[in-house]
Amino acid sequence: WEERYDPASGRAYFVNHNTETTTWEHPSPLPDGWEARATSDGRAYYVNHNTKTTSWDDP
């Protein structure tokens, strides 16, 4: 994650370069074994390498 600032409001926001997503909320780290990815159209999803499953919901 990278912290940036909106020039219009001065508010901090966060950029995930792996999933090409942004959020106003401070991101918390993913649990061990999880990885954030993005589909070809930019939708974020999550991979649990421990159980070899995926989820649309942030764990």
C-alpha atoms as a PDB file:
ATOM      1  CA  TRP A   1       0.000   0.000   0.000  1.00  0.00           C
ATOM      2  CA  GLU A   2       1.055   3.560  -0.666  1.00  0.00           C
ATOM      3  CA  GLU A   3      -0.341   6.580   1.150  1.00  0.00           C
ATOM      4  CA  ARG A   4      -1.176   9.569  -1.056  1.00  0.00           C
ATOM      5  CA  TYR A   5      -3.027  12.834  -0.524  1.00  0.00           C
ATOM      6  CA  ASP A   6      -5.952  14.187  -2.503  1.00  0.00           C
ATOM      7  CA  PRO A   7      -4.890  17.648  -3.728  1.00  0.00           C
ATOM      8  CA  ALA A   8      -8.431  19.048  -3.623  1.00  0.00           C
ATOM      9  CA  SER A   9      -9.281  18.000  -0.054  1.00  0.00           C
ATOM     10  CA  GLY A  10      -5.879  17.251   1.472  1.00  0.00           C
ATOM     11  CA  ARG A  11      -7.277  13.926   2.692  1.00  0.00           C
ATOM     12  CA  ALA A  12      -5.056  10.860   2.784  1.00  0.00           C
ATOM     13  CA  TYR A  13      -6.014   7.865   0.669  1.00  0.00           C
ATOM     14  CA  PHE A  14      -4.324   4.552   0.041  1.00  0.00           C
ATOM     15  CA  VAL A  15      -3.315   2.877  -3.230  1.00  0.00           C
ATOM     16  CA  ASN A  16      -2.841  -0.876  -3.640  1.00  0.00           C
ATOM     17  CA  HIS A  17      -0.577  -1.270  -6.664  1.00  0.00           C
ATOM     18  CA  ASN A  18      -1.124  -5.044  -6.807  1.00  0.00           C
ATOM     19  CA  THR A  19      -4.893  -4.814  -7.166  1.00  0.00           C
ATOM     20  CA  GLU A  20      -4.940  -1.300  -8.679  1.00  0.00           C
ATOM     21  CA  THR A  21      -7.520  -0.189  -6.114  1.00  0.00           C
ATOM     22  CA  THR A  22      -7.780   2.796  -3.785  1.00  0.00           C
ATOM     23  CA  THR A  23      -9.484   3.393  -0.460  1.00  0.00           C
ATOM     24  CA  TRP A  24     -10.031   6.296   1.927  1.00  0.00           C
ATOM     25  CA  GLU A  25      -9.855   3.873   4.878  1.00  0.00           C
ATOM     26  CA  HIS A  26      -6.457   2.895   6.290  1.00  0.00           C
ATOM     27  CA  PRO A  27      -5.893  -0.691   5.159  1.00  0.00           C
ATOM     28  CA  SER A  28      -5.144  -3.312   7.731  1.00  0.00           C
ATOM     29  CA  PRO A  29      -2.699  -6.069   6.837  1.00  0.00           C
ATOM     30  CA  LEU A  30      -4.107  -9.298   5.457  1.00  0.00           C
ATOM     31  CA  PRO A  31      -3.947 -12.391   7.672  1.00  0.00           C
ATOM     32  CA  ASP A  32      -1.025 -14.768   7.139  1.00  0.00           C
ATOM     33  CA  GLY A  33      -1.421 -16.816   3.976  1.00  0.00           C
ATOM     34  CA  TRP A  34      -3.742 -14.308   2.245  1.00  0.00           C
ATOM     35  CA  GLU A  35      -2.939 -12.289  -0.876  1.00  0.00           C
ATOM     36  CA  ALA A  36      -4.889  -9.511  -2.603  1.00  0.00           C
ATOM     37  CA  ARG A  37      -5.228  -9.771  -6.390  1.00  0.00           C
ATOM     38  CA  ALA A  38      -7.298  -8.168  -9.122  1.00  0.00           C
ATOM     39  CA  THR A  39      -9.267  -9.564 -12.037  1.00  0.00           C
ATOM     40  CA  SER A  40      -8.483  -8.393 -15.573  1.00  0.00           C
ATOM     41  CA  ASP A  41     -11.233  -5.767 -15.219  1.00  0.00           C
ATOM     42  CA  GLY A  42      -9.773  -4.457 -11.932  1.00  0.00           C
ATOM     43  CA  ARG A  43     -12.084  -6.073  -9.376  1.00  0.00           C
ATOM     44  CA  ALA A  44     -10.236  -6.976  -6.164  1.00  0.00           C
ATOM     45  CA  TYR A  45     -10.379 -10.505  -4.768  1.00  0.00           C
ATOM     46  CA  TYR A  46      -8.439 -12.413  -2.137  1.00  0.00           C
ATOM     47  CA  VAL A  47      -6.524 -15.698  -2.251  1.00  0.00           C
ATOM     48  CA  ASN A  48      -6.093 -17.899   0.819  1.00  0.00           C
ATOM     49  CA  HIS A  49      -2.967 -19.932   0.081  1.00  0.00           C
ATOM     50  CA  ASN A  50      -3.494 -22.041   3.222  1.00  0.00           C
ATOM     51  CA  THR A  51      -6.862 -23.425   2.093  1.00  0.00           C
ATOM     52  CA  LYS A  52      -6.369 -22.809  -1.652  1.00  0.00           C
ATOM     53  CA  THR A  53      -9.617 -20.821  -1.836  1.00  0.00           C
ATOM     54  CA  THR A  54     -10.571 -17.364  -3.091  1.00  0.00           C
ATOM     55  CA  SER A  55     -13.008 -14.773  -1.816  1.00  0.00           C
ATOM     56  CA  TRP A  56     -14.486 -11.497  -3.039  1.00  0.00           C
ATOM     57  CA  ASP A  57     -14.673 -10.347   0.604  1.00  0.00           C
ATOM     58  CA  ASP A  58     -11.678  -8.852   2.392  1.00  0.00           C
ATOM     59  CA  PRO A  59     -10.735 -11.320   5.137  1.00  0.00           C
END
